[in-house]
């Protein structure tokens, strides 16, 4: 629900293909949105839970390089069974 919520699209949103999602400005996302959906506002705890359920981070081209101050920070995550508009697949996502 958090990925598909139009009210959060400035911070978390589906990829154009609907096979992964982006978190824009992770610190701001944690501060402004995590507390609305979870019992915490800790981004690292959110990432740890993603990892526990088999999600993986997709590295982007700028990772590991120097970036200008104007470049927004983002994270990109995927899971083989996590697809836009495919709630029928969610039952296949199991804790490791």
N, C-alpha and C. Protein backbone atom coordinates (compact mmCIF):
# COMPACT_ATOMS: atom_id res chain seq x y z
N UNK A 1 0.82 -1.21 0.00
CA UNK A 1 0.00 0.00 0.00
C UNK A 1 0.85 1.26 0.00
N UNK A 2 1.95 1.25 0.74
CA UNK A 2 2.78 2.46 0.84
C UNK A 2 3.38 2.82 -0.52
N UNK A 3 3.74 1.83 -1.33
CA UNK A 3 4.34 2.12 -2.63
C UNK A 3 3.29 2.67 -3.60
N UNK A 4 2.08 2.16 -3.52
CA UNK A 4 1.03 2.58 -4.44
C UNK A 4 0.26 3.82 -4.00
N UNK A 5 0.47 4.28 -2.78
CA UNK A 5 -0.25 5.44 -2.27
C UNK A 5 0.20 6.70 -3.00
N UNK A 6 -0.74 7.35 -3.68
CA UNK A 6 -0.38 8.55 -4.45
C UNK A 6 0.12 9.68 -3.55
N UNK A 7 -0.25 9.68 -2.29
CA UNK A 7 0.21 10.70 -1.36
C UNK A 7 1.68 10.58 -0.99
N UNK A 8 2.27 9.43 -1.27
CA UNK A 8 3.69 9.22 -0.95
C UNK A 8 4.57 9.17 -2.19
N UNK A 9 4.01 9.43 -3.36
CA UNK A 9 4.75 9.28 -4.61
C UNK A 9 5.98 10.17 -4.73
N UNK A 10 6.08 11.21 -3.94
CA UNK A 10 7.28 12.04 -4.00
C UNK A 10 8.45 11.38 -3.27
N UNK A 11 8.17 10.35 -2.45
CA UNK A 11 9.23 9.70 -1.68
C UNK A 11 9.37 8.21 -1.95
N UNK A 12 8.29 7.52 -2.28
CA UNK A 12 8.35 6.09 -2.58
C UNK A 12 7.36 5.82 -3.70
N UNK A 13 7.83 5.12 -4.75
CA UNK A 13 6.99 4.93 -5.92
C UNK A 13 7.47 3.75 -6.75
N UNK A 14 6.56 3.21 -7.55
CA UNK A 14 6.86 2.10 -8.43
C UNK A 14 7.77 2.54 -9.57
N UNK A 15 8.56 1.62 -10.07
CA UNK A 15 9.31 1.85 -11.31
C UNK A 15 8.30 1.91 -12.45
N UNK A 16 8.69 2.45 -13.59
CA UNK A 16 7.76 2.51 -14.73
C UNK A 16 7.20 1.14 -15.13
N UNK A 17 8.00 0.09 -15.02
CA UNK A 17 7.55 -1.26 -15.39
C UNK A 17 6.72 -1.94 -14.29
N UNK A 18 6.75 -1.39 -13.08
CA UNK A 18 6.00 -1.98 -11.97
C UNK A 18 6.62 -3.22 -11.39
N UNK A 19 7.92 -3.44 -11.65
CA UNK A 19 8.59 -4.64 -11.14
C UNK A 19 9.58 -4.34 -10.03
N UNK A 20 9.64 -3.09 -9.60
CA UNK A 20 10.52 -2.67 -8.51
C UNK A 20 10.01 -1.33 -8.00
N UNK A 21 10.63 -0.83 -6.94
CA UNK A 21 10.22 0.47 -6.43
C UNK A 21 11.43 1.28 -5.99
N UNK A 22 11.23 2.58 -5.93
CA UNK A 22 12.27 3.53 -5.53
C UNK A 22 11.89 4.20 -4.23
N UNK A 23 12.89 4.48 -3.41
CA UNK A 23 12.73 5.33 -2.23
C UNK A 23 13.61 6.54 -2.48
N UNK A 24 12.97 7.68 -2.65
CA UNK A 24 13.67 8.94 -2.89
C UNK A 24 13.99 9.58 -1.55
N UNK A 25 15.18 10.08 -1.38
CA UNK A 25 15.61 10.74 -0.14
C UNK A 25 15.28 9.89 1.09
N UNK A 26 15.99 8.79 1.29
CA UNK A 26 15.68 7.85 2.38
C UNK A 26 15.54 8.49 3.76
N UNK A 27 16.38 9.48 4.10
CA UNK A 27 16.27 10.11 5.41
C UNK A 27 14.94 10.84 5.56
N UNK A 28 14.56 11.56 4.54
CA UNK A 28 13.28 12.28 4.56
C UNK A 28 12.12 11.29 4.56
N UNK A 29 12.22 10.22 3.78
CA UNK A 29 11.21 9.18 3.75
C UNK A 29 11.00 8.61 5.16
N UNK A 30 12.08 8.31 5.85
CA UNK A 30 11.98 7.77 7.20
C UNK A 30 11.32 8.77 8.15
N UNK A 31 11.75 9.99 8.06
CA UNK A 31 11.24 11.04 8.96
C UNK A 31 9.75 11.33 8.71
N UNK A 32 9.34 11.39 7.45
CA UNK A 32 7.99 11.83 7.12
C UNK A 32 6.97 10.71 6.91
N UNK A 33 7.39 9.53 6.50
CA UNK A 33 6.43 8.50 6.12
C UNK A 33 6.48 7.22 6.95
N UNK A 34 7.64 6.77 7.37
CA UNK A 34 7.70 5.46 8.04
C UNK A 34 6.81 5.39 9.26
N UNK A 35 6.75 6.44 10.04
CA UNK A 35 5.92 6.45 11.24
C UNK A 35 4.43 6.32 10.96
N UNK A 36 4.01 6.69 9.77
CA UNK A 36 2.60 6.54 9.38
C UNK A 36 2.24 5.10 9.09
N UNK A 37 3.23 4.31 8.68
CA UNK A 37 2.97 2.94 8.24
C UNK A 37 3.52 1.88 9.19
N UNK A 38 4.52 2.25 9.98
CA UNK A 38 5.17 1.30 10.88
C UNK A 38 5.29 1.91 12.28
N UNK A 39 5.75 1.11 13.22
CA UNK A 39 5.90 1.58 14.60
C UNK A 39 7.23 2.28 14.84
N UNK A 40 7.94 2.60 13.78
CA UNK A 40 9.25 3.23 13.91
C UNK A 40 9.48 4.20 12.76
N UNK A 41 10.55 4.97 12.87
CA UNK A 41 10.96 5.89 11.81
C UNK A 41 12.42 5.65 11.45
N UNK A 42 12.84 4.41 11.56
CA UNK A 42 14.23 4.04 11.32
C UNK A 42 14.37 3.40 9.94
N UNK A 43 15.05 4.09 9.04
CA UNK A 43 15.18 3.60 7.66
C UNK A 43 15.96 2.28 7.62
N UNK A 44 16.98 2.14 8.44
CA UNK A 44 17.77 0.90 8.44
C UNK A 44 16.92 -0.29 8.88
N UNK A 45 15.98 -0.09 9.79
CA UNK A 45 15.07 -1.17 10.17
C UNK A 45 14.16 -1.55 9.02
N UNK A 46 13.71 -0.57 8.27
CA UNK A 46 12.90 -0.81 7.08
C UNK A 46 13.68 -1.65 6.07
N UNK A 47 14.93 -1.28 5.81
CA UNK A 47 15.78 -2.01 4.87
C UNK A 47 16.04 -3.42 5.38
N UNK A 48 16.27 -3.57 6.66
CA UNK A 48 16.52 -4.89 7.25
C UNK A 48 15.30 -5.80 7.02
N UNK A 49 14.09 -5.25 7.18
CA UNK A 49 12.89 -6.04 6.94
C UNK A 49 12.76 -6.40 5.46
N UNK A 50 13.08 -5.47 4.57
CA UNK A 50 13.07 -5.79 3.15
C UNK A 50 13.99 -6.97 2.88
N UNK A 51 15.19 -6.91 3.43
CA UNK A 51 16.17 -8.00 3.24
C UNK A 51 15.66 -9.31 3.82
N UNK A 52 15.01 -9.26 4.98
CA UNK A 52 14.47 -10.47 5.61
C UNK A 52 13.42 -11.15 4.74
N UNK A 53 12.76 -10.38 3.92
CA UNK A 53 11.71 -10.92 3.06
C UNK A 53 12.18 -11.15 1.61
N UNK A 54 13.47 -11.08 1.38
CA UNK A 54 14.02 -11.43 0.08
C UNK A 54 14.11 -10.30 -0.92
N UNK A 55 13.84 -9.08 -0.50
CA UNK A 55 14.04 -7.94 -1.40
C UNK A 55 15.53 -7.67 -1.53
N UNK A 56 15.92 -7.14 -2.64
CA UNK A 56 17.33 -6.78 -2.82
C UNK A 56 17.43 -5.39 -3.41
N UNK A 57 18.53 -4.75 -3.10
CA UNK A 57 18.79 -3.40 -3.59
C UNK A 57 19.42 -3.49 -4.97
N UNK A 58 18.92 -2.70 -5.88
CA UNK A 58 19.47 -2.63 -7.23
C UNK A 58 20.42 -1.44 -7.26
N UNK A 59 21.70 -1.67 -7.48
CA UNK A 59 22.65 -0.55 -7.51
C UNK A 59 22.39 0.34 -8.72
N UNK A 60 22.60 1.62 -8.55
CA UNK A 60 22.43 2.54 -9.66
C UNK A 60 23.79 2.99 -10.18
N UNK A 61 23.79 3.58 -11.34
CA UNK A 61 25.04 3.92 -12.02
C UNK A 61 25.94 4.84 -11.21
N UNK A 62 25.35 5.73 -10.41
CA UNK A 62 26.15 6.70 -9.67
C UNK A 62 26.66 6.15 -8.34
N UNK A 63 26.26 4.95 -7.98
CA UNK A 63 26.69 4.39 -6.71
C UNK A 63 28.20 4.23 -6.68
N UNK A 64 28.80 4.71 -5.64
CA UNK A 64 30.24 4.60 -5.49
C UNK A 64 31.02 5.69 -6.19
N UNK A 65 30.32 6.65 -6.79
CA UNK A 65 31.00 7.75 -7.45
C UNK A 65 30.67 9.05 -6.73
N UNK A 66 31.49 10.04 -6.96
CA UNK A 66 31.20 11.34 -6.38
C UNK A 66 30.01 11.95 -7.09
N UNK A 67 29.09 12.51 -6.32
CA UNK A 67 27.91 13.13 -6.90
C UNK A 67 27.87 14.59 -6.53
N UNK A 68 27.30 15.39 -7.39
CA UNK A 68 27.15 16.80 -7.07
C UNK A 68 26.06 16.97 -6.01
N UNK A 69 26.06 18.11 -5.35
CA UNK A 69 25.07 18.36 -4.31
C UNK A 69 23.65 18.40 -4.87
N UNK A 70 23.48 18.65 -6.15
CA UNK A 70 22.17 18.73 -6.75
C UNK A 70 21.53 17.39 -7.05
N UNK A 71 22.26 16.30 -6.90
CA UNK A 71 21.73 14.98 -7.21
C UNK A 71 20.98 14.42 -6.02
N UNK A 72 19.72 14.07 -6.23
CA UNK A 72 18.92 13.48 -5.16
C UNK A 72 19.37 12.06 -4.89
N UNK A 73 19.39 11.69 -3.64
CA UNK A 73 19.74 10.34 -3.25
C UNK A 73 18.49 9.46 -3.35
N UNK A 74 18.66 8.25 -3.84
CA UNK A 74 17.54 7.32 -3.90
C UNK A 74 18.05 5.90 -3.75
N UNK A 75 17.13 4.99 -3.43
CA UNK A 75 17.42 3.57 -3.35
C UNK A 75 16.38 2.85 -4.19
N UNK A 76 16.79 1.75 -4.80
CA UNK A 76 15.96 1.01 -5.74
C UNK A 76 15.91 -0.44 -5.27
N UNK A 77 14.71 -0.98 -5.05
CA UNK A 77 14.54 -2.33 -4.50
C UNK A 77 13.65 -3.18 -5.40
N UNK A 78 13.87 -4.49 -5.34
CA UNK A 78 13.07 -5.41 -6.13
C UNK A 78 12.90 -6.73 -5.40
N UNK A 79 11.88 -7.47 -5.80
CA UNK A 79 11.62 -8.83 -5.34
C UNK A 79 10.88 -9.52 -6.48
N UNK A 80 11.22 -10.76 -6.81
CA UNK A 80 10.58 -11.43 -7.94
C UNK A 80 9.05 -11.52 -7.85
N UNK A 81 8.50 -11.51 -6.64
CA UNK A 81 7.06 -11.65 -6.45
C UNK A 81 6.36 -10.35 -6.07
N UNK A 82 7.05 -9.24 -6.10
CA UNK A 82 6.46 -7.95 -5.73
C UNK A 82 6.26 -7.14 -7.00
N UNK A 83 5.00 -7.08 -7.47
CA UNK A 83 4.66 -6.43 -8.72
C UNK A 83 3.46 -5.51 -8.52
N UNK A 84 3.48 -4.41 -9.23
CA UNK A 84 2.35 -3.47 -9.17
C UNK A 84 1.07 -4.19 -9.63
N UNK A 85 -0.01 -3.95 -8.89
CA UNK A 85 -1.33 -4.50 -9.20
C UNK A 85 -1.38 -6.03 -9.19
N UNK A 86 -0.48 -6.69 -8.47
CA UNK A 86 -0.49 -8.15 -8.38
C UNK A 86 -0.52 -8.59 -6.92
N UNK A 87 -1.59 -8.20 -6.22
CA UNK A 87 -1.72 -8.58 -4.82
C UNK A 87 -1.78 -10.10 -4.64
N UNK A 88 -2.16 -10.82 -5.69
CA UNK A 88 -2.21 -12.28 -5.62
C UNK A 88 -0.84 -12.91 -5.39
N UNK A 89 0.24 -12.19 -5.69
CA UNK A 89 1.59 -12.70 -5.51
C UNK A 89 2.14 -12.46 -4.11
N UNK A 90 1.52 -11.57 -3.35
CA UNK A 90 2.08 -11.18 -2.05
C UNK A 90 2.23 -12.36 -1.08
N UNK A 91 1.35 -13.35 -1.17
CA UNK A 91 1.44 -14.52 -0.30
C UNK A 91 2.70 -15.35 -0.53
N UNK A 92 3.33 -15.16 -1.66
CA UNK A 92 4.57 -15.88 -1.97
C UNK A 92 5.80 -15.23 -1.36
N UNK A 93 5.66 -14.04 -0.85
CA UNK A 93 6.78 -13.37 -0.22
C UNK A 93 6.85 -13.83 1.22
N UNK A 94 7.86 -14.61 1.53
CA UNK A 94 8.01 -15.22 2.85
C UNK A 94 9.28 -14.73 3.53
N UNK A 95 9.22 -14.66 4.85
CA UNK A 95 10.40 -14.32 5.64
C UNK A 95 11.43 -15.43 5.48
N UNK A 96 12.69 -15.02 5.34
CA UNK A 96 13.78 -16.01 5.18
C UNK A 96 13.92 -16.87 6.42
